[in-house]
Protein backbone atom coordinates (compact mmCIF):
# COMPACT_ATOMS: atom_id res chain seq x y z
CA UNK A 1 0.00 0.00 0.00
CA UNK A 2 2.80 2.40 0.88
CA UNK A 3 4.48 1.61 -2.40
CA UNK A 4 1.31 2.45 -4.32
CA UNK A 5 1.04 5.78 -2.45
CA UNK A 6 4.66 6.57 -3.27
CA UNK A 7 4.08 5.72 -6.94
CA UNK A 8 0.94 7.90 -7.02
CA UNK A 9 2.75 10.79 -5.30
CA UNK A 10 5.64 10.40 -7.70
CA UNK A 11 3.24 10.35 -10.66
CA UNK A 12 1.37 13.42 -9.37
CA UNK A 13 4.68 15.21 -8.88
CA UNK A 14 5.67 14.34 -12.48
CA UNK A 15 2.29 15.57 -13.78
CA UNK A 16 2.62 18.85 -11.89
CA UNK A 17 6.17 19.22 -13.17
CA UNK A 18 5.05 18.49 -16.75
CA UNK A 19 2.16 20.94 -16.35
CA UNK A 20 4.56 23.74 -15.35
CA UNK A 21 7.02 22.87 -18.10
CA UNK A 22 4.14 22.93 -20.59
CA UNK A 23 3.10 26.40 -19.35
CA UNK A 24 6.67 27.68 -19.55
CA UNK A 25 7.11 26.34 -23.09
CA UNK A 26 3.75 27.80 -24.11
CA UNK A 27 4.67 31.19 -22.61
CA UNK A 28 8.07 31.22 -24.32
CA UNK A 29 6.50 30.20 -27.61
CA UNK A 30 3.96 33.02 -27.42
CA UNK A 31 6.64 35.50 -26.35
CA UNK A 32 8.93 34.67 -29.25
CA UNK A 33 6.01 34.68 -31.69
CA UNK A 34 5.04 38.22 -30.70
CA UNK A 35 8.66 39.32 -30.58
CA UNK A 36 9.41 38.02 -34.07
CA UNK A 37 6.31 39.71 -35.49
CA UNK A 38 7.11 43.07 -33.93
CA UNK A 39 10.73 43.17 -35.08
CA UNK A 40 10.13 41.95 -38.61
CA UNK A 41 11.34 44.49 -41.14
CA UNK A 42 9.41 45.29 -44.27
CA UNK A 43 11.67 44.21 -47.10
CA UNK A 44 9.30 45.47 -49.78
CA UNK A 45 10.05 49.14 -49.18
CA UNK A 46 12.53 50.71 -51.52
CA UNK A 47 15.42 52.60 -50.03
CA UNK A 48 14.84 56.29 -50.64
CA UNK A 49 17.51 58.03 -52.65
CA UNK A 50 18.59 61.61 -51.98
CA UNK A 51 17.29 64.36 -54.24
CA UNK A 52 20.00 66.28 -56.07
CA UNK A 53 19.37 69.91 -56.99
CA UNK A 54 22.00 71.13 -59.38
CA UNK A 55 22.85 73.37 -62.26
CA UNK A 56 25.94 72.11 -64.06
CA UNK A 57 26.44 75.43 -65.85
CA UNK A 58 26.80 77.23 -62.51
CA UNK A 59 28.57 74.38 -60.67
CA UNK A 60 25.73 74.53 -58.18
CA UNK A 61 24.58 71.43 -56.32
CA UNK A 62 22.45 70.69 -53.27
CA UNK A 63 21.77 67.17 -52.06
CA UNK A 64 18.69 66.65 -49.90
CA UNK A 65 18.67 63.56 -47.70
CA UNK A 66 15.44 64.40 -45.83
CA UNK A 67 13.36 61.21 -45.72
CA UNK A 68 10.11 61.57 -47.55
CA UNK A 69 11.14 64.42 -49.85
CA UNK A 70 11.64 62.17 -52.86
CA UNK A 71 8.16 60.72 -52.34
CA UNK A 72 6.73 64.22 -51.83
CA UNK A 73 8.36 65.45 -55.04
CA UNK A 74 6.94 62.53 -57.03
CA UNK A 75 3.44 62.38 -55.58
CA UNK A 76 2.38 65.57 -53.77
CA UNK A 77 4.22 68.43 -55.47
CA UNK A 78 2.60 70.23 -58.37
CA UNK A 79 4.03 69.01 -61.68
CA UNK A 80 6.97 70.64 -63.41
CA UNK A 81 5.72 73.65 -65.35
CA UNK A 82 2.81 74.38 -63.00
CA UNK A 83 4.57 77.47 -61.58
CA UNK A 84 6.47 80.06 -63.58
CA UNK A 85 10.16 80.47 -62.91
CA UNK A 86 9.62 84.04 -61.67
CA UNK A 87 7.03 82.80 -59.16
CA UNK A 88 9.44 80.14 -57.88
CA UNK A 89 12.31 82.66 -57.65
CA UNK A 90 10.20 85.12 -55.65
CA UNK A 91 9.02 82.42 -53.23
CA UNK A 92 12.55 81.02 -52.87
CA UNK A 93 13.96 84.47 -52.06
CA UNK A 94 11.45 84.80 -49.24
CA UNK A 95 11.91 81.24 -47.98
CA UNK A 96 15.71 81.43 -48.08
CA UNK A 97 15.70 84.70 -46.13
CA UNK A 98 13.53 83.22 -43.36
CA UNK A 99 15.45 79.91 -43.40
CA UNK A 100 18.85 81.60 -43.07
CA UNK A 101 17.57 83.80 -40.24
CA UNK A 102 16.49 80.67 -38.37
CA UNK A 103 19.84 78.98 -39.00
CA UNK A 104 21.61 81.97 -37.49
CA UNK A 105 19.41 81.83 -34.34
CA UNK A 106 19.79 78.27 -33.00
CA UNK A 107 18.55 79.31 -29.56
CA UNK A 108 15.20 80.30 -31.05
CA UNK A 109 14.81 77.60 -33.69
CA UNK A 110 15.56 73.88 -33.78
CA UNK A 111 19.16 73.51 -35.02
CA UNK A 112 18.37 69.93 -36.08
CA UNK A 113 16.00 71.31 -38.71
CA UNK A 114 17.82 74.51 -39.63
CA UNK A 115 21.34 73.13 -39.99
CA UNK A 116 22.82 74.95 -42.99
CA UNK A 117 22.45 78.36 -44.55
CA UNK A 118 21.41 78.46 -48.18
CA UNK A 119 23.46 80.60 -50.54
CA UNK A 120 20.73 81.76 -52.92
CA UNK A 121 21.45 84.99 -54.77
CA UNK A 122 18.66 86.83 -56.52
CA UNK A 123 20.99 88.10 -59.27
CA UNK A 124 21.84 84.55 -60.44
CA UNK A 125 19.62 82.58 -62.79
CA UNK A 126 19.69 79.07 -61.30
CA UNK A 127 17.26 77.75 -63.88
CA UNK A 128 13.82 76.26 -63.54
CA UNK A 129 14.82 72.84 -62.16
CA UNK A 130 16.84 74.23 -59.24
CA UNK A 131 14.11 76.72 -58.33
CA UNK A 132 11.39 74.08 -58.66
CA UNK A 133 13.11 71.57 -56.38
CA UNK A 134 14.20 74.18 -53.85
CA UNK A 135 10.68 75.61 -53.67
CA UNK A 136 9.21 72.14 -53.20
CA UNK A 137 11.73 71.32 -50.49
CA UNK A 138 10.55 74.37 -48.56
CA UNK A 139 6.93 73.32 -49.05
CA UNK A 140 7.77 69.77 -47.95
CA UNK A 141 9.69 70.98 -44.87
CA UNK A 142 6.78 73.19 -43.82
CA UNK A 143 4.47 70.20 -43.87
CA UNK A 144 6.87 67.72 -42.30
CA UNK A 145 8.08 69.97 -39.48
CA UNK A 146 4.78 71.87 -39.05
CA UNK A 147 6.30 75.28 -39.54
CA UNK A 148 5.66 78.36 -41.61
CA UNK A 149 8.38 80.10 -43.57
CA UNK A 150 6.83 83.57 -43.81
C-alpha atoms as a PDB file:
ATOM      1  CA  UNK A   1       0.000   0.000   0.000  1.00  0.00           C
ATOM      2  CA  UNK A   2       2.800   2.404   0.881  1.00  0.00           C
ATOM      3  CA  UNK A   3       4.484   1.609  -2.404  1.00  0.00           C
ATOM      4  CA  UNK A   4       1.315   2.450  -4.322  1.00  0.00           C
ATOM      5  CA  UNK A   5       1.041   5.779  -2.446  1.00  0.00           C
ATOM      6  CA  UNK A   6       4.660   6.571  -3.270  1.00  0.00           C
ATOM      7  CA  UNK A   7       4.080   5.723  -6.936  1.00  0.00           C
ATOM      8  CA  UNK A   8       0.943   7.896  -7.017  1.00  0.00           C
ATOM      9  CA  UNK A   9       2.752  10.790  -5.299  1.00  0.00           C
ATOM     10  CA  UNK A  10       5.644  10.396  -7.697  1.00  0.00           C
ATOM     11  CA  UNK A  11       3.240  10.352 -10.662  1.00  0.00           C
ATOM     12  CA  UNK A  12       1.373  13.421  -9.365  1.00  0.00           C
ATOM     13  CA  UNK A  13       4.680  15.214  -8.884  1.00  0.00           C
ATOM     14  CA  UNK A  14       5.666  14.344 -12.475  1.00  0.00           C
ATOM     15  CA  UNK A  15       2.291  15.568 -13.775  1.00  0.00           C
ATOM     16  CA  UNK A  16       2.617  18.846 -11.891  1.00  0.00           C
ATOM     17  CA  UNK A  17       6.170  19.216 -13.173  1.00  0.00           C
ATOM     18  CA  UNK A  18       5.046  18.486 -16.752  1.00  0.00           C
ATOM     19  CA  UNK A  19       2.159  20.944 -16.351  1.00  0.00           C
ATOM     20  CA  UNK A  20       4.564  23.741 -15.353  1.00  0.00           C
ATOM     21  CA  UNK A  21       7.023  22.865 -18.098  1.00  0.00           C
ATOM     22  CA  UNK A  22       4.139  22.929 -20.588  1.00  0.00           C
ATOM     23  CA  UNK A  23       3.097  26.404 -19.355  1.00  0.00           C
ATOM     24  CA  UNK A  24       6.671  27.684 -19.553  1.00  0.00           C
ATOM     25  CA  UNK A  25       7.113  26.342 -23.087  1.00  0.00           C
ATOM     26  CA  UNK A  26       3.753  27.798 -24.109  1.00  0.00           C
ATOM     27  CA  UNK A  27       4.665  31.187 -22.612  1.00  0.00           C
ATOM     28  CA  UNK A  28       8.073  31.219 -24.321  1.00  0.00           C
ATOM     29  CA  UNK A  29       6.495  30.195 -27.610  1.00  0.00           C
ATOM     30  CA  UNK A  30       3.964  33.025 -27.425  1.00  0.00           C
ATOM     31  CA  UNK A  31       6.636  35.496 -26.349  1.00  0.00           C
ATOM     32  CA  UNK A  32       8.931  34.671 -29.249  1.00  0.00           C
ATOM     33  CA  UNK A  33       6.009  34.677 -31.694  1.00  0.00           C
ATOM     34  CA  UNK A  34       5.042  38.219 -30.696  1.00  0.00           C
ATOM     35  CA  UNK A  35       8.662  39.321 -30.583  1.00  0.00           C
ATOM     36  CA  UNK A  36       9.415  38.020 -34.066  1.00  0.00           C
ATOM     37  CA  UNK A  37       6.306  39.714 -35.486  1.00  0.00           C
ATOM     38  CA  UNK A  38       7.112  43.071 -33.926  1.00  0.00           C
ATOM     39  CA  UNK A  39      10.734  43.170 -35.081  1.00  0.00           C
ATOM     40  CA  UNK A  40      10.127  41.953 -38.607  1.00  0.00           C
ATOM     41  CA  UNK A  41      11.344  44.494 -41.136  1.00  0.00           C
ATOM     42  CA  UNK A  42       9.409  45.293 -44.268  1.00  0.00           C
ATOM     43  CA  UNK A  43      11.675  44.205 -47.102  1.00  0.00           C
ATOM     44  CA  UNK A  44       9.303  45.469 -49.778  1.00  0.00           C
ATOM     45  CA  UNK A  45      10.045  49.136 -49.181  1.00  0.00           C
ATOM     46  CA  UNK A  46      12.527  50.710 -51.519  1.00  0.00           C
ATOM     47  CA  UNK A  47      15.417  52.598 -50.032  1.00  0.00           C
ATOM     48  CA  UNK A  48      14.839  56.289 -50.639  1.00  0.00           C
ATOM     49  CA  UNK A  49      17.507  58.028 -52.654  1.00  0.00           C
ATOM     50  CA  UNK A  50      18.590  61.605 -51.978  1.00  0.00           C
ATOM     51  CA  UNK A  51      17.293  64.356 -54.243  1.00  0.00           C
ATOM     52  CA  UNK A  52      19.996  66.278 -56.070  1.00  0.00           C
ATOM     53  CA  UNK A  53      19.365  69.905 -56.994  1.00  0.00           C
ATOM     54  CA  UNK A  54      22.003  71.126 -59.376  1.00  0.00           C
ATOM     55  CA  UNK A  55      22.847  73.375 -62.258  1.00  0.00           C
ATOM     56  CA  UNK A  56      25.942  72.112 -64.055  1.00  0.00           C
ATOM     57  CA  UNK A  57      26.444  75.427 -65.850  1.00  0.00           C
ATOM     58  CA  UNK A  58      26.802  77.231 -62.510  1.00  0.00           C
ATOM     59  CA  UNK A  59      28.572  74.384 -60.674  1.00  0.00           C
ATOM     60  CA  UNK A  60      25.733  74.534 -58.182  1.00  0.00           C
ATOM     61  CA  UNK A  61      24.578  71.432 -56.316  1.00  0.00           C
ATOM     62  CA  UNK A  62      22.453  70.695 -53.267  1.00  0.00           C
ATOM     63  CA  UNK A  63      21.771  67.168 -52.061  1.00  0.00           C
ATOM     64  CA  UNK A  64      18.691  66.652 -49.896  1.00  0.00           C
ATOM     65  CA  UNK A  65      18.668  63.563 -47.695  1.00  0.00           C
ATOM     66  CA  UNK A  66      15.445  64.401 -45.832  1.00  0.00           C
ATOM     67  CA  UNK A  67      13.360  61.207 -45.724  1.00  0.00           C
ATOM     68  CA  UNK A  68      10.110  61.565 -47.545  1.00  0.00           C
ATOM     69  CA  UNK A  69      11.141  64.419 -49.847  1.00  0.00           C
ATOM     70  CA  UNK A  70      11.636  62.171 -52.856  1.00  0.00           C
ATOM     71  CA  UNK A  71       8.157  60.719 -52.340  1.00  0.00           C
ATOM     72  CA  UNK A  72       6.729  64.223 -51.833  1.00  0.00           C
ATOM     73  CA  UNK A  73       8.361  65.448 -55.035  1.00  0.00           C
ATOM     74  CA  UNK A  74       6.943  62.530 -57.033  1.00  0.00           C
ATOM     75  CA  UNK A  75       3.443  62.379 -55.579  1.00  0.00           C
ATOM     76  CA  UNK A  76       2.382  65.569 -53.769  1.00  0.00           C
ATOM     77  CA  UNK A  77       4.225  68.426 -55.465  1.00  0.00           C
ATOM     78  CA  UNK A  78       2.601  70.231 -58.369  1.00  0.00           C
ATOM     79  CA  UNK A  79       4.030  69.006 -61.680  1.00  0.00           C
ATOM     80  CA  UNK A  80       6.973  70.643 -63.410  1.00  0.00           C
ATOM     81  CA  UNK A  81       5.724  73.647 -65.348  1.00  0.00           C
ATOM     82  CA  UNK A  82       2.814  74.383 -62.996  1.00  0.00           C
ATOM     83  CA  UNK A  83       4.568  77.466 -61.584  1.00  0.00           C
ATOM     84  CA  UNK A  84       6.465  80.061 -63.581  1.00  0.00           C
ATOM     85  CA  UNK A  85      10.161  80.468 -62.906  1.00  0.00           C
ATOM     86  CA  UNK A  86       9.624  84.041 -61.670  1.00  0.00           C
ATOM     87  CA  UNK A  87       7.029  82.801 -59.159  1.00  0.00           C
ATOM     88  CA  UNK A  88       9.443  80.144 -57.882  1.00  0.00           C
ATOM     89  CA  UNK A  89      12.306  82.658 -57.649  1.00  0.00           C
ATOM     90  CA  UNK A  90      10.198  85.122 -55.655  1.00  0.00           C
ATOM     91  CA  UNK A  91       9.017  82.419 -53.231  1.00  0.00           C
ATOM     92  CA  UNK A  92      12.549  81.017 -52.873  1.00  0.00           C
ATOM     93  CA  UNK A  93      13.965  84.472 -52.057  1.00  0.00           C
ATOM     94  CA  UNK A  94      11.453  84.800 -49.236  1.00  0.00           C
ATOM     95  CA  UNK A  95      11.910  81.245 -47.980  1.00  0.00           C
ATOM     96  CA  UNK A  96      15.714  81.427 -48.076  1.00  0.00           C
ATOM     97  CA  UNK A  97      15.705  84.702 -46.127  1.00  0.00           C
ATOM     98  CA  UNK A  98      13.527  83.222 -43.363  1.00  0.00           C
ATOM     99  CA  UNK A  99      15.452  79.908 -43.405  1.00  0.00           C
ATOM    100  CA  UNK A 100      18.850  81.600 -43.067  1.00  0.00           C
ATOM    101  CA  UNK A 101      17.566  83.798 -40.238  1.00  0.00           C
ATOM    102  CA  UNK A 102      16.489  80.670 -38.367  1.00  0.00           C
ATOM    103  CA  UNK A 103      19.844  78.976 -39.002  1.00  0.00           C
ATOM    104  CA  UNK A 104      21.612  81.975 -37.487  1.00  0.00           C
ATOM    105  CA  UNK A 105      19.413  81.825 -34.343  1.00  0.00           C
ATOM    106  CA  UNK A 106      19.789  78.265 -33.000  1.00  0.00           C
ATOM    107  CA  UNK A 107      18.547  79.311 -29.562  1.00  0.00           C
ATOM    108  CA  UNK A 108      15.195  80.304 -31.046  1.00  0.00           C
ATOM    109  CA  UNK A 109      14.806  77.597 -33.690  1.00  0.00           C
ATOM    110  CA  UNK A 110      15.564  73.883 -33.781  1.00  0.00           C
ATOM    111  CA  UNK A 111      19.160  73.510 -35.025  1.00  0.00           C
ATOM    112  CA  UNK A 112      18.366  69.929 -36.078  1.00  0.00           C
ATOM    113  CA  UNK A 113      15.996  71.305 -38.708  1.00  0.00           C
ATOM    114  CA  UNK A 114      17.823  74.507 -39.630  1.00  0.00           C
ATOM    115  CA  UNK A 115      21.343  73.127 -39.994  1.00  0.00           C
ATOM    116  CA  UNK A 116      22.824  74.955 -42.985  1.00  0.00           C
ATOM    117  CA  UNK A 117      22.449  78.359 -44.552  1.00  0.00           C
ATOM    118  CA  UNK A 118      21.405  78.455 -48.183  1.00  0.00           C
ATOM    119  CA  UNK A 119      23.459  80.602 -50.539  1.00  0.00           C
ATOM    120  CA  UNK A 120      20.733  81.760 -52.915  1.00  0.00           C
ATOM    121  CA  UNK A 121      21.450  84.986 -54.770  1.00  0.00           C
ATOM    122  CA  UNK A 122      18.662  86.830 -56.520  1.00  0.00           C
ATOM    123  CA  UNK A 123      20.987  88.104 -59.267  1.00  0.00           C
ATOM    124  CA  UNK A 124      21.841  84.554 -60.436  1.00  0.00           C
ATOM    125  CA  UNK A 125      19.620  82.580 -62.787  1.00  0.00           C
ATOM    126  CA  UNK A 126      19.689  79.067 -61.300  1.00  0.00           C
ATOM    127  CA  UNK A 127      17.263  77.753 -63.876  1.00  0.00           C
ATOM    128  CA  UNK A 128      13.821  76.256 -63.543  1.00  0.00           C
ATOM    129  CA  UNK A 129      14.821  72.840 -62.163  1.00  0.00           C
ATOM    130  CA  UNK A 130      16.837  74.233 -59.244  1.00  0.00           C
ATOM    131  CA  UNK A 131      14.111  76.723 -58.333  1.00  0.00           C
ATOM    132  CA  UNK A 132      11.388  74.083 -58.661  1.00  0.00           C
ATOM    133  CA  UNK A 133      13.108  71.567 -56.383  1.00  0.00           C
ATOM    134  CA  UNK A 134      14.204  74.175 -53.847  1.00  0.00           C
ATOM    135  CA  UNK A 135      10.682  75.607 -53.670  1.00  0.00           C
ATOM    136  CA  UNK A 136       9.212  72.135 -53.200  1.00  0.00           C
ATOM    137  CA  UNK A 137      11.726  71.323 -50.491  1.00  0.00           C
ATOM    138  CA  UNK A 138      10.553  74.366 -48.556  1.00  0.00           C
ATOM    139  CA  UNK A 139       6.929  73.325 -49.054  1.00  0.00           C
ATOM    140  CA  UNK A 140       7.773  69.771 -47.946  1.00  0.00           C
ATOM    141  CA  UNK A 141       9.695  70.985 -44.868  1.00  0.00           C
ATOM    142  CA  UNK A 142       6.780  73.191 -43.820  1.00  0.00           C
ATOM    143  CA  UNK A 143       4.466  70.200 -43.866  1.00  0.00           C
ATOM    144  CA  UNK A 144       6.868  67.722 -42.298  1.00  0.00           C
ATOM    145  CA  UNK A 145       8.078  69.969 -39.476  1.00  0.00           C
ATOM    146  CA  UNK A 146       4.776  71.875 -39.053  1.00  0.00           C
ATOM    147  CA  UNK A 147       6.300  75.275 -39.537  1.00  0.00           C
ATOM    148  CA  UNK A 148       5.656  78.363 -41.608  1.00  0.00           C
ATOM    149  CA  UNK A 149       8.376  80.098 -43.574  1.00  0.00           C
ATOM    150  CA  UNK A 150       6.833  83.567 -43.807  1.00  0.00           C
END
